[in-house]
Amino acid sequence: MKIILTGTGKKFNTDWIFRDLSFSFQDNSATAILGRNGSGKSTLLQVISGSLHPTTGSVRYYMEEQEIPVDDIFRHLSIVAPYQELIEEFTLQEMLRFHFSFKSMVKGYTLRSITDRVGFKDPGHKPIRVFSSGMKQRVKLILALLSEVSIVLLDEPTMNLDETGTRWYLDLIGEMAKDRIIVVCSNLQHQETAFCKEKLFIEDYKTAR
C-alpha cells in the first residue's frame, strides 16, 4: 500500500491550513504528524483518510501498483480521533460484534480474545456510556488496530489514557504495526510517537514553497 500526496493543500474560506505538501506514506512505516494544538494536524489526517477533499494538489492510493479510488479507500483503513464516537448504548461485546460485521478482524483473534486484550477486569454487560474516558479510548484503539486493514490513522491516540494505558497502547501498536501504514497526529514527540521513524511537521507547510 502507498499513499502519495502531491502539492496538497487545504483551506477553509481564505485561510490555508496547510499547502504545497508532498509526501509519500509506504507499507511497513510509521509517521508522526507533529505540531501544536490547532495547527492543522487533524485536518491533514482527514484529507489523508479521504473524508475531506484537498483544495489543491492530490492524494492518491495504490495497492500492488493499482490505484484505489478515493471513494473506496475507507475499506482499507481505520481511524481513531477525538471526534469519533462509539455507540454508547452498546455493551463492549455488542460494539465488537457490530464493528467486526463491517471489518474483518486480524487473524488469530476472536471476540473473546479481543475482549481480554482490551484489558478490562470485568466489562460485563455494562453499556459503553458508563465507561471512563480512558476505557472508551482503549475500545477505539482496539477496534482500529485489530481490524484487518492496511492503513491505521491515529489522532492523539493516548488522549485520556493514564500511564498504564499508554504502555498498553505502545505494546498493542508494537504488535500490530507490521506491514501497515501507521500515521499518528500528536503534539508530543515522545510516548505516543516513540515508534515513528518518519516525522512530518505540519507548520512547515503553512506557506507556499
N, C-alpha and C. Protein backbone atom coordinates (compact mmCIF):
# COMPACT_ATOMS: atom_id res chain seq x y z
N MET A 1 0.84 -1.19 0.00
CA MET A 1 0.00 0.00 0.00
C MET A 1 0.88 1.24 0.00
N LYS A 2 0.48 2.26 -0.76
CA LYS A 2 1.15 3.55 -0.77
C LYS A 2 0.09 4.65 -0.77
N ILE A 3 0.41 5.74 -0.08
CA ILE A 3 -0.40 6.96 -0.16
C ILE A 3 0.54 8.07 -0.60
N ILE A 4 0.21 8.74 -1.69
CA ILE A 4 1.09 9.77 -2.23
C ILE A 4 0.34 11.10 -2.28
N LEU A 5 0.86 12.07 -1.52
CA LEU A 5 0.34 13.44 -1.55
C LEU A 5 1.27 14.26 -2.44
N THR A 6 0.68 14.99 -3.38
CA THR A 6 1.47 15.79 -4.32
C THR A 6 0.92 17.22 -4.34
N GLY A 7 1.73 18.16 -3.85
CA GLY A 7 1.33 19.57 -3.85
C GLY A 7 0.00 19.80 -3.15
N THR A 8 -0.25 19.04 -2.11
CA THR A 8 -1.58 19.03 -1.48
C THR A 8 -1.75 20.21 -0.53
N GLY A 9 -2.91 20.84 -0.60
CA GLY A 9 -3.23 21.94 0.31
C GLY A 9 -4.70 21.92 0.67
N LYS A 10 -5.01 22.52 1.82
CA LYS A 10 -6.40 22.62 2.26
C LYS A 10 -6.62 23.98 2.89
N LYS A 11 -7.68 24.65 2.45
CA LYS A 11 -8.04 25.92 3.09
C LYS A 11 -9.52 25.94 3.38
N PHE A 12 -9.90 26.69 4.40
CA PHE A 12 -11.29 26.95 4.73
C PHE A 12 -11.50 28.45 4.58
N ASN A 13 -12.46 28.81 3.75
CA ASN A 13 -12.67 30.21 3.37
C ASN A 13 -11.36 30.74 2.76
N THR A 14 -10.75 31.73 3.36
CA THR A 14 -9.50 32.27 2.81
C THR A 14 -8.27 31.83 3.60
N ASP A 15 -8.47 30.97 4.61
CA ASP A 15 -7.36 30.58 5.49
C ASP A 15 -6.79 29.22 5.07
N TRP A 16 -5.49 29.23 4.73
CA TRP A 16 -4.80 27.98 4.41
C TRP A 16 -4.45 27.25 5.71
N ILE A 17 -4.85 25.99 5.79
CA ILE A 17 -4.48 25.14 6.92
C ILE A 17 -3.09 24.56 6.68
N PHE A 18 -2.86 24.10 5.48
CA PHE A 18 -1.54 23.70 5.00
C PHE A 18 -1.57 23.80 3.48
N ARG A 19 -0.39 23.86 2.88
CA ARG A 19 -0.36 23.96 1.42
C ARG A 19 0.98 23.45 0.89
N ASP A 20 0.94 23.05 -0.39
CA ASP A 20 2.14 22.60 -1.10
C ASP A 20 2.86 21.48 -0.35
N LEU A 21 2.07 20.50 0.11
CA LEU A 21 2.62 19.38 0.89
C LEU A 21 2.75 18.17 -0.03
N SER A 22 3.96 17.69 -0.19
CA SER A 22 4.22 16.47 -0.95
C SER A 22 4.89 15.47 -0.02
N PHE A 23 4.33 14.28 0.04
CA PHE A 23 4.83 13.28 0.99
C PHE A 23 4.32 11.92 0.55
N SER A 24 5.10 10.89 0.84
CA SER A 24 4.71 9.52 0.50
C SER A 24 4.70 8.66 1.75
N PHE A 25 3.59 7.98 1.98
CA PHE A 25 3.45 7.03 3.08
C PHE A 25 3.54 5.62 2.48
N GLN A 26 4.43 4.79 3.04
CA GLN A 26 4.69 3.47 2.47
C GLN A 26 4.29 2.38 3.44
N ASP A 27 4.07 1.17 2.89
CA ASP A 27 3.85 -0.02 3.72
C ASP A 27 4.95 -0.18 4.75
N ASN A 28 4.58 -0.73 5.89
CA ASN A 28 5.55 -1.03 6.94
C ASN A 28 6.29 0.23 7.40
N SER A 29 5.53 1.32 7.55
CA SER A 29 6.13 2.57 8.00
C SER A 29 5.22 3.22 9.03
N ALA A 30 5.83 4.00 9.91
CA ALA A 30 5.07 4.75 10.92
C ALA A 30 5.54 6.20 10.86
N THR A 31 4.59 7.11 10.68
CA THR A 31 4.89 8.52 10.52
C THR A 31 4.15 9.33 11.57
N ALA A 32 4.87 10.24 12.22
CA ALA A 32 4.27 11.16 13.18
C ALA A 32 4.02 12.50 12.48
N ILE A 33 2.78 12.98 12.54
CA ILE A 33 2.45 14.34 12.10
C ILE A 33 2.44 15.20 13.36
N LEU A 34 3.38 16.12 13.45
CA LEU A 34 3.61 16.86 14.68
C LEU A 34 3.28 18.35 14.51
N GLY A 35 2.81 18.94 15.59
CA GLY A 35 2.50 20.37 15.58
C GLY A 35 1.72 20.74 16.82
N ARG A 36 1.67 22.02 17.08
CA ARG A 36 0.95 22.50 18.25
C ARG A 36 -0.55 22.30 18.06
N ASN A 37 -1.31 22.48 19.14
CA ASN A 37 -2.77 22.39 19.04
C ASN A 37 -3.29 23.44 18.07
N GLY A 38 -4.21 23.02 17.22
CA GLY A 38 -4.81 23.94 16.27
C GLY A 38 -3.98 24.21 15.03
N SER A 39 -2.90 23.45 14.84
CA SER A 39 -2.02 23.72 13.70
C SER A 39 -2.47 23.06 12.40
N GLY A 40 -3.45 22.16 12.46
CA GLY A 40 -3.96 21.54 11.24
C GLY A 40 -3.69 20.06 11.10
N LYS A 41 -3.18 19.43 12.16
CA LYS A 41 -2.87 18.00 12.09
C LYS A 41 -4.12 17.17 11.79
N SER A 42 -5.20 17.45 12.49
CA SER A 42 -6.42 16.66 12.31
C SER A 42 -7.00 16.87 10.91
N THR A 43 -6.90 18.09 10.40
CA THR A 43 -7.39 18.36 9.04
C THR A 43 -6.58 17.55 8.03
N LEU A 44 -5.26 17.53 8.19
CA LEU A 44 -4.43 16.73 7.28
C LEU A 44 -4.81 15.27 7.37
N LEU A 45 -5.04 14.76 8.57
CA LEU A 45 -5.41 13.34 8.71
C LEU A 45 -6.73 13.05 8.00
N GLN A 46 -7.68 13.97 8.07
CA GLN A 46 -8.94 13.77 7.37
C GLN A 46 -8.77 13.81 5.86
N VAL A 47 -7.84 14.63 5.38
CA VAL A 47 -7.54 14.64 3.95
C VAL A 47 -6.91 13.31 3.54
N ILE A 48 -5.98 12.81 4.35
CA ILE A 48 -5.35 11.52 4.06
C ILE A 48 -6.40 10.41 4.05
N SER A 49 -7.37 10.49 4.95
CA SER A 49 -8.39 9.43 5.04
C SER A 49 -9.41 9.48 3.92
N GLY A 50 -9.44 10.58 3.17
CA GLY A 50 -10.42 10.72 2.10
C GLY A 50 -11.72 11.34 2.54
N SER A 51 -11.87 11.67 3.84
CA SER A 51 -13.12 12.27 4.30
C SER A 51 -13.20 13.76 4.01
N LEU A 52 -12.05 14.39 3.74
CA LEU A 52 -12.01 15.77 3.25
C LEU A 52 -11.25 15.80 1.94
N HIS A 53 -11.74 16.56 0.98
CA HIS A 53 -11.04 16.70 -0.29
C HIS A 53 -10.04 17.85 -0.20
N PRO A 54 -8.86 17.68 -0.77
CA PRO A 54 -7.89 18.78 -0.76
C PRO A 54 -8.37 19.93 -1.64
N THR A 55 -7.96 21.14 -1.27
CA THR A 55 -8.28 22.31 -2.08
C THR A 55 -7.39 22.36 -3.31
N THR A 56 -6.12 22.01 -3.12
CA THR A 56 -5.17 21.94 -4.24
C THR A 56 -4.39 20.65 -4.15
N GLY A 57 -3.79 20.26 -5.27
CA GLY A 57 -2.97 19.05 -5.29
C GLY A 57 -3.82 17.79 -5.26
N SER A 58 -3.18 16.69 -4.89
CA SER A 58 -3.87 15.40 -4.96
C SER A 58 -3.42 14.48 -3.84
N VAL A 59 -4.30 13.50 -3.56
CA VAL A 59 -3.98 12.38 -2.67
C VAL A 59 -4.34 11.12 -3.44
N ARG A 60 -3.37 10.25 -3.64
CA ARG A 60 -3.62 9.02 -4.40
C ARG A 60 -3.19 7.81 -3.57
N TYR A 61 -3.92 6.72 -3.81
CA TYR A 61 -3.71 5.49 -3.04
C TYR A 61 -3.42 4.35 -4.02
N TYR A 62 -2.44 3.52 -3.67
CA TYR A 62 -2.05 2.42 -4.54
C TYR A 62 -1.88 1.15 -3.72
N MET A 63 -2.38 0.06 -4.28
CA MET A 63 -2.13 -1.27 -3.71
C MET A 63 -1.64 -2.15 -4.83
N GLU A 64 -0.44 -2.69 -4.66
CA GLU A 64 0.18 -3.52 -5.70
C GLU A 64 0.15 -2.80 -7.05
N GLU A 65 0.51 -1.52 -6.99
CA GLU A 65 0.63 -0.65 -8.18
C GLU A 65 -0.71 -0.32 -8.84
N GLN A 66 -1.80 -0.78 -8.28
CA GLN A 66 -3.12 -0.43 -8.80
C GLN A 66 -3.71 0.71 -7.97
N GLU A 67 -4.18 1.75 -8.65
CA GLU A 67 -4.73 2.89 -7.91
C GLU A 67 -6.10 2.54 -7.35
N ILE A 68 -6.33 2.94 -6.10
CA ILE A 68 -7.60 2.72 -5.43
C ILE A 68 -8.39 4.03 -5.46
N PRO A 69 -9.62 4.02 -5.96
CA PRO A 69 -10.43 5.25 -5.96
C PRO A 69 -10.64 5.76 -4.54
N VAL A 70 -10.65 7.07 -4.38
CA VAL A 70 -10.80 7.65 -3.05
C VAL A 70 -12.09 7.20 -2.39
N ASP A 71 -13.14 6.96 -3.17
CA ASP A 71 -14.41 6.53 -2.59
C ASP A 71 -14.35 5.12 -2.01
N ASP A 72 -13.29 4.37 -2.33
CA ASP A 72 -13.16 3.00 -1.82
C ASP A 72 -12.12 2.87 -0.73
N ILE A 73 -11.39 3.94 -0.42
CA ILE A 73 -10.26 3.81 0.50
C ILE A 73 -10.70 3.48 1.92
N PHE A 74 -11.96 3.82 2.26
CA PHE A 74 -12.43 3.52 3.62
C PHE A 74 -12.39 2.03 3.92
N ARG A 75 -12.44 1.21 2.88
CA ARG A 75 -12.39 -0.24 3.08
C ARG A 75 -11.01 -0.70 3.58
N HIS A 76 -10.01 0.14 3.37
CA HIS A 76 -8.64 -0.25 3.65
C HIS A 76 -8.05 0.45 4.87
N LEU A 77 -8.85 1.23 5.58
CA LEU A 77 -8.28 1.98 6.70
C LEU A 77 -9.19 1.95 7.92
N SER A 78 -8.56 2.26 9.04
CA SER A 78 -9.29 2.51 10.28
C SER A 78 -8.73 3.77 10.90
N ILE A 79 -9.52 4.41 11.74
CA ILE A 79 -9.12 5.71 12.29
C ILE A 79 -9.57 5.82 13.75
N VAL A 80 -8.74 6.48 14.54
CA VAL A 80 -9.09 6.84 15.92
C VAL A 80 -8.89 8.34 16.05
N ALA A 81 -9.91 9.04 16.52
CA ALA A 81 -9.83 10.50 16.62
C ALA A 81 -10.74 10.99 17.75
N PRO A 82 -10.43 12.16 18.33
CA PRO A 82 -11.27 12.69 19.42
C PRO A 82 -12.72 12.90 19.02
N TYR A 83 -12.96 13.22 17.75
CA TYR A 83 -14.33 13.48 17.28
C TYR A 83 -15.08 12.19 16.94
N GLN A 84 -14.40 11.06 16.98
CA GLN A 84 -15.02 9.77 16.68
C GLN A 84 -15.88 9.33 17.86
N GLU A 85 -17.06 8.84 17.57
CA GLU A 85 -17.99 8.42 18.63
C GLU A 85 -18.19 6.91 18.62
N LEU A 86 -18.32 6.34 19.79
CA LEU A 86 -18.76 4.97 19.94
C LEU A 86 -20.28 4.95 20.11
N ILE A 87 -20.88 3.80 19.88
CA ILE A 87 -22.32 3.65 20.13
C ILE A 87 -22.47 3.32 21.61
N GLU A 88 -22.79 4.33 22.40
CA GLU A 88 -22.67 4.20 23.84
C GLU A 88 -23.79 3.38 24.48
N GLU A 89 -24.85 3.09 23.72
CA GLU A 89 -25.89 2.20 24.25
C GLU A 89 -25.46 0.74 24.19
N PHE A 90 -24.47 0.44 23.36
CA PHE A 90 -23.98 -0.93 23.22
C PHE A 90 -23.12 -1.32 24.43
N THR A 91 -23.10 -2.60 24.73
CA THR A 91 -22.07 -3.15 25.61
C THR A 91 -20.80 -3.33 24.78
N LEU A 92 -19.70 -3.67 25.45
CA LEU A 92 -18.46 -3.90 24.72
C LEU A 92 -18.63 -5.03 23.71
N GLN A 93 -19.24 -6.13 24.11
CA GLN A 93 -19.43 -7.25 23.19
C GLN A 93 -20.28 -6.85 22.00
N GLU A 94 -21.34 -6.08 22.24
CA GLU A 94 -22.18 -5.63 21.13
C GLU A 94 -21.41 -4.71 20.19
N MET A 95 -20.57 -3.84 20.76
CA MET A 95 -19.78 -2.93 19.94
C MET A 95 -18.79 -3.72 19.08
N LEU A 96 -18.16 -4.72 19.66
CA LEU A 96 -17.22 -5.55 18.90
C LEU A 96 -17.93 -6.31 17.78
N ARG A 97 -19.06 -6.90 18.09
CA ARG A 97 -19.79 -7.66 17.06
C ARG A 97 -20.24 -6.74 15.93
N PHE A 98 -20.72 -5.55 16.29
CA PHE A 98 -21.18 -4.61 15.27
C PHE A 98 -20.01 -4.17 14.39
N HIS A 99 -18.91 -3.76 15.00
CA HIS A 99 -17.76 -3.27 14.23
C HIS A 99 -17.21 -4.35 13.31
N PHE A 100 -17.05 -5.56 13.84
CA PHE A 100 -16.43 -6.62 13.04
C PHE A 100 -17.42 -7.30 12.09
N SER A 101 -18.64 -6.80 12.03
CA SER A 101 -19.53 -7.19 10.94
C SER A 101 -19.22 -6.38 9.68
N PHE A 102 -18.49 -5.27 9.83
CA PHE A 102 -18.09 -4.43 8.69
C PHE A 102 -16.63 -4.59 8.34
N LYS A 103 -15.80 -4.84 9.32
CA LYS A 103 -14.36 -5.01 9.12
C LYS A 103 -13.96 -6.40 9.59
N SER A 104 -13.07 -7.03 8.83
CA SER A 104 -12.54 -8.32 9.29
C SER A 104 -11.56 -8.08 10.43
N MET A 105 -11.54 -8.99 11.39
CA MET A 105 -10.56 -8.86 12.47
C MET A 105 -9.26 -9.55 12.04
N VAL A 106 -8.16 -9.10 12.63
CA VAL A 106 -6.86 -9.70 12.29
C VAL A 106 -6.86 -11.18 12.65
N LYS A 107 -6.09 -11.93 11.90
CA LYS A 107 -6.04 -13.37 12.10
C LYS A 107 -5.49 -13.70 13.48
N GLY A 108 -6.03 -14.76 14.06
CA GLY A 108 -5.55 -15.22 15.36
C GLY A 108 -6.34 -14.67 16.53
N TYR A 109 -7.30 -13.77 16.25
CA TYR A 109 -8.11 -13.20 17.32
C TYR A 109 -9.56 -13.66 17.21
N THR A 110 -10.22 -13.69 18.34
CA THR A 110 -11.66 -13.94 18.42
C THR A 110 -12.27 -12.80 19.23
N LEU A 111 -13.59 -12.74 19.26
CA LEU A 111 -14.23 -11.71 20.07
C LEU A 111 -13.83 -11.83 21.52
N ARG A 112 -13.69 -13.05 22.02
CA ARG A 112 -13.31 -13.24 23.42
C ARG A 112 -11.87 -12.77 23.67
N SER A 113 -10.96 -13.14 22.76
CA SER A 113 -9.57 -12.75 22.97
C SER A 113 -9.38 -11.25 22.80
N ILE A 114 -10.20 -10.62 21.94
CA ILE A 114 -10.14 -9.17 21.82
C ILE A 114 -10.62 -8.51 23.11
N THR A 115 -11.69 -9.05 23.68
CA THR A 115 -12.18 -8.53 24.96
C THR A 115 -11.09 -8.60 26.01
N ASP A 116 -10.39 -9.74 26.06
CA ASP A 116 -9.29 -9.88 27.02
C ASP A 116 -8.17 -8.89 26.72
N ARG A 117 -7.91 -8.63 25.42
CA ARG A 117 -6.82 -7.74 25.04
C ARG A 117 -7.11 -6.30 25.42
N VAL A 118 -8.39 -5.93 25.48
CA VAL A 118 -8.74 -4.58 25.92
C VAL A 118 -8.20 -4.33 27.32
N GLY A 119 -8.22 -5.38 28.15
CA GLY A 119 -7.59 -5.28 29.45
C GLY A 119 -8.50 -4.86 30.58
N PHE A 120 -9.82 -4.90 30.38
CA PHE A 120 -10.75 -4.58 31.46
C PHE A 120 -10.92 -5.80 32.35
N LYS A 121 -11.03 -5.55 33.62
CA LYS A 121 -11.20 -6.68 34.55
C LYS A 121 -12.56 -7.33 34.35
N ASP A 122 -13.61 -6.54 34.24
CA ASP A 122 -14.94 -7.11 34.13
C ASP A 122 -15.87 -6.14 33.40
N PRO A 123 -15.77 -6.07 32.05
CA PRO A 123 -16.67 -5.17 31.32
C PRO A 123 -18.12 -5.62 31.39
N GLY A 124 -18.32 -6.94 31.55
CA GLY A 124 -19.66 -7.49 31.73
C GLY A 124 -20.64 -7.00 30.68
N HIS A 125 -21.83 -6.64 31.14
CA HIS A 125 -22.88 -6.18 30.24
C HIS A 125 -23.17 -4.70 30.44
N LYS A 126 -22.17 -3.97 30.94
CA LYS A 126 -22.38 -2.53 31.14
C LYS A 126 -22.37 -1.81 29.80
N PRO A 127 -23.26 -0.83 29.62
CA PRO A 127 -23.21 -0.05 28.38
C PRO A 127 -21.96 0.83 28.35
N ILE A 128 -21.48 1.09 27.15
CA ILE A 128 -20.26 1.87 26.99
C ILE A 128 -20.40 3.27 27.60
N ARG A 129 -21.61 3.79 27.70
CA ARG A 129 -21.77 5.15 28.24
C ARG A 129 -21.29 5.28 29.68
N VAL A 130 -21.20 4.16 30.41
CA VAL A 130 -20.73 4.25 31.79
C VAL A 130 -19.22 3.99 31.90
N PHE A 131 -18.57 3.71 30.77
CA PHE A 131 -17.12 3.53 30.78
C PHE A 131 -16.43 4.85 31.08
N SER A 132 -15.26 4.80 31.68
CA SER A 132 -14.45 6.00 31.84
C SER A 132 -13.92 6.45 30.48
N SER A 133 -13.42 7.68 30.42
CA SER A 133 -12.88 8.18 29.15
C SER A 133 -11.68 7.33 28.70
N GLY A 134 -10.89 6.86 29.65
CA GLY A 134 -9.77 6.01 29.30
C GLY A 134 -10.20 4.66 28.74
N MET A 135 -11.25 4.08 29.33
CA MET A 135 -11.77 2.82 28.83
C MET A 135 -12.34 2.98 27.42
N LYS A 136 -13.03 4.08 27.19
CA LYS A 136 -13.56 4.33 25.84
C LYS A 136 -12.43 4.46 24.82
N GLN A 137 -11.34 5.13 25.22
CA GLN A 137 -10.21 5.27 24.31
C GLN A 137 -9.59 3.92 23.98
N ARG A 138 -9.51 3.05 24.97
CA ARG A 138 -9.00 1.70 24.70
C ARG A 138 -9.89 0.98 23.69
N VAL A 139 -11.19 1.12 23.83
CA VAL A 139 -12.11 0.47 22.88
C VAL A 139 -11.87 1.00 21.47
N LYS A 140 -11.75 2.31 21.31
CA LYS A 140 -11.48 2.88 19.99
C LYS A 140 -10.20 2.31 19.38
N LEU A 141 -9.16 2.24 20.20
CA LEU A 141 -7.87 1.76 19.70
C LEU A 141 -7.92 0.28 19.34
N ILE A 142 -8.61 -0.52 20.14
CA ILE A 142 -8.67 -1.95 19.85
C ILE A 142 -9.45 -2.21 18.58
N LEU A 143 -10.53 -1.44 18.35
CA LEU A 143 -11.30 -1.60 17.12
C LEU A 143 -10.46 -1.27 15.90
N ALA A 144 -9.66 -0.21 15.99
CA ALA A 144 -8.85 0.21 14.85
C ALA A 144 -7.69 -0.75 14.58
N LEU A 145 -6.96 -1.10 15.64
CA LEU A 145 -5.73 -1.84 15.45
C LEU A 145 -5.95 -3.33 15.24
N LEU A 146 -7.10 -3.86 15.64
CA LEU A 146 -7.38 -5.27 15.41
C LEU A 146 -8.30 -5.50 14.22
N SER A 147 -8.51 -4.44 13.42
CA SER A 147 -9.19 -4.59 12.13
C SER A 147 -8.15 -4.95 11.07
N GLU A 148 -8.54 -5.80 10.15
CA GLU A 148 -7.63 -6.24 9.08
C GLU A 148 -7.61 -5.18 7.98
N VAL A 149 -6.80 -4.14 8.20
CA VAL A 149 -6.70 -3.03 7.26
C VAL A 149 -5.22 -2.71 7.03
N SER A 150 -4.95 -2.00 5.94
CA SER A 150 -3.57 -1.66 5.59
C SER A 150 -3.13 -0.31 6.13
N ILE A 151 -4.11 0.55 6.50
CA ILE A 151 -3.79 1.91 6.94
C ILE A 151 -4.47 2.15 8.28
N VAL A 152 -3.70 2.62 9.27
CA VAL A 152 -4.27 2.97 10.57
C VAL A 152 -3.88 4.43 10.85
N LEU A 153 -4.90 5.26 11.06
CA LEU A 153 -4.72 6.69 11.29
C LEU A 153 -5.12 7.00 12.73
N LEU A 154 -4.21 7.59 13.50
CA LEU A 154 -4.42 7.82 14.92
C LEU A 154 -4.23 9.29 15.25
N ASP A 155 -5.26 9.91 15.76
CA ASP A 155 -5.21 11.32 16.13
C ASP A 155 -5.18 11.42 17.65
N GLU A 156 -4.03 11.80 18.20
CA GLU A 156 -3.83 11.89 19.65
C GLU A 156 -4.30 10.60 20.35
N PRO A 157 -3.67 9.47 20.02
CA PRO A 157 -4.16 8.17 20.50
C PRO A 157 -4.08 7.96 22.00
N THR A 158 -3.20 8.68 22.71
CA THR A 158 -3.12 8.48 24.15
C THR A 158 -3.98 9.48 24.94
N MET A 159 -4.82 10.24 24.21
CA MET A 159 -5.76 11.13 24.90
C MET A 159 -6.60 10.32 25.88
N ASN A 160 -6.68 10.78 27.10
CA ASN A 160 -7.47 10.16 28.18
C ASN A 160 -6.85 8.88 28.75
N LEU A 161 -5.68 8.50 28.27
CA LEU A 161 -5.03 7.32 28.83
C LEU A 161 -4.05 7.71 29.93
N ASP A 162 -4.05 6.96 31.02
CA ASP A 162 -3.06 7.20 32.06
C ASP A 162 -1.77 6.48 31.68
N GLU A 163 -0.81 6.45 32.59
CA GLU A 163 0.49 5.85 32.28
C GLU A 163 0.35 4.37 31.93
N THR A 164 -0.50 3.66 32.66
CA THR A 164 -0.72 2.25 32.36
C THR A 164 -1.36 2.08 30.99
N GLY A 165 -2.34 2.93 30.69
CA GLY A 165 -3.00 2.88 29.40
C GLY A 165 -2.06 3.20 28.25
N THR A 166 -1.16 4.14 28.47
CA THR A 166 -0.19 4.49 27.42
C THR A 166 0.75 3.32 27.14
N ARG A 167 1.19 2.63 28.18
CA ARG A 167 2.04 1.44 27.98
C ARG A 167 1.26 0.36 27.22
N TRP A 168 -0.02 0.21 27.58
CA TRP A 168 -0.88 -0.76 26.88
C TRP A 168 -0.96 -0.42 25.39
N TYR A 169 -1.15 0.86 25.07
CA TYR A 169 -1.22 1.31 23.67
C TYR A 169 0.08 1.02 22.94
N LEU A 170 1.22 1.33 23.56
CA LEU A 170 2.51 1.12 22.90
C LEU A 170 2.77 -0.36 22.67
N ASP A 171 2.37 -1.21 23.62
CA ASP A 171 2.52 -2.66 23.43
C ASP A 171 1.64 -3.13 22.28
N LEU A 172 0.40 -2.65 22.23
CA LEU A 172 -0.55 -3.07 21.19
C LEU A 172 -0.07 -2.63 19.82
N ILE A 173 0.36 -1.38 19.70
CA ILE A 173 0.77 -0.91 18.37
C ILE A 173 2.08 -1.55 17.95
N GLY A 174 2.94 -1.88 18.93
CA GLY A 174 4.16 -2.61 18.59
C GLY A 174 3.86 -3.97 18.00
N GLU A 175 2.79 -4.56 18.47
CA GLU A 175 2.37 -5.88 17.99
C GLU A 175 1.68 -5.79 16.63
N MET A 176 0.96 -4.69 16.38
CA MET A 176 0.06 -4.61 15.24
C MET A 176 0.53 -3.70 14.10
N ALA A 177 1.71 -3.09 14.22
CA ALA A 177 2.13 -2.10 13.21
C ALA A 177 2.75 -2.73 11.96
N LYS A 178 3.18 -3.96 12.04
CA LYS A 178 3.92 -4.58 10.94
C LYS A 178 3.09 -4.61 9.66
N ASP A 179 3.76 -4.29 8.53
CA ASP A 179 3.17 -4.36 7.19
C ASP A 179 1.98 -3.42 7.00
N ARG A 180 1.96 -2.35 7.77
CA ARG A 180 0.89 -1.36 7.64
C ARG A 180 1.47 0.03 7.46
N ILE A 181 0.63 0.94 7.03
CA ILE A 181 0.92 2.36 7.13
C ILE A 181 0.28 2.86 8.42
N ILE A 182 1.10 3.36 9.33
CA ILE A 182 0.61 3.95 10.57
C ILE A 182 0.91 5.44 10.54
N VAL A 183 -0.10 6.27 10.77
CA VAL A 183 0.08 7.72 10.84
C VAL A 183 -0.49 8.19 12.17
N VAL A 184 0.35 8.92 12.93
CA VAL A 184 -0.05 9.37 14.27
C VAL A 184 0.06 10.90 14.33
N CYS A 185 -1.05 11.56 14.65
CA CYS A 185 -1.04 13.00 14.90
C CYS A 185 -0.81 13.26 16.38
N SER A 186 0.13 14.15 16.68
CA SER A 186 0.45 14.38 18.09
C SER A 186 1.12 15.73 18.27
N ASN A 187 0.94 16.32 19.45
CA ASN A 187 1.76 17.47 19.81
C ASN A 187 2.86 17.05 20.79
N LEU A 188 3.03 15.73 20.94
CA LEU A 188 4.07 15.18 21.79
C LEU A 188 5.12 14.51 20.91
N GLN A 189 6.38 14.66 21.24
CA GLN A 189 7.42 13.99 20.47
C GLN A 189 8.01 12.82 21.25
N HIS A 190 7.24 12.30 22.18
CA HIS A 190 7.65 11.12 22.92
C HIS A 190 6.38 10.30 23.16
N GLN A 191 6.46 9.28 23.93
CA GLN A 191 5.31 8.43 24.26
C GLN A 191 4.58 7.95 23.00
N GLU A 192 3.50 8.63 22.61
CA GLU A 192 2.62 8.06 21.59
C GLU A 192 3.24 7.99 20.20
N THR A 193 4.36 8.72 19.95
CA THR A 193 5.01 8.66 18.64
C THR A 193 6.42 8.08 18.74
N ALA A 194 6.76 7.47 19.85
CA ALA A 194 8.12 7.00 20.06
C ALA A 194 8.57 6.00 18.99
N PHE A 195 7.66 5.23 18.45
CA PHE A 195 7.99 4.19 17.48
C PHE A 195 8.04 4.71 16.05
N CYS A 196 7.67 5.97 15.81
CA CYS A 196 7.59 6.51 14.46
C CYS A 196 8.98 6.90 13.94
N LYS A 197 9.37 6.33 12.81
CA LYS A 197 10.68 6.65 12.22
C LYS A 197 10.61 7.93 11.38
N GLU A 198 9.44 8.21 10.80
CA GLU A 198 9.27 9.39 9.95
C GLU A 198 8.56 10.49 10.72
N LYS A 199 8.94 11.74 10.46
CA LYS A 199 8.32 12.91 11.11
C LYS A 199 7.89 13.90 10.04
N LEU A 200 6.69 14.42 10.18
CA LEU A 200 6.18 15.46 9.29
C LEU A 200 5.69 16.60 10.18
N PHE A 201 6.30 17.76 10.06
CA PHE A 201 5.95 18.91 10.88
C PHE A 201 4.97 19.79 10.11
N ILE A 202 3.71 19.79 10.53
CA ILE A 202 2.65 20.45 9.78
C ILE A 202 2.92 21.94 9.59
N GLU A 203 3.58 22.57 10.56
CA GLU A 203 3.79 24.02 10.45
C GLU A 203 4.85 24.38 9.41
N ASP A 204 5.54 23.39 8.86
CA ASP A 204 6.43 23.65 7.73
C ASP A 204 5.66 23.90 6.46
N TYR A 205 4.35 23.66 6.47
CA TYR A 205 3.54 23.74 5.26
C TYR A 205 2.44 24.79 5.38
N LYS A 206 2.70 25.86 6.09
CA LYS A 206 1.72 26.92 6.24
C LYS A 206 1.77 27.93 5.11
N THR A 207 2.89 28.04 4.45
CA THR A 207 3.03 28.97 3.33
C THR A 207 3.52 28.23 2.12
N ALA A 208 3.19 28.74 0.95
CA ALA A 208 3.59 28.07 -0.30
C ALA A 208 5.10 28.05 -0.43
N ARG A 209 5.61 26.97 -1.01
CA ARG A 209 7.05 26.84 -1.18
C ARG A 209 7.45 27.22 -2.58
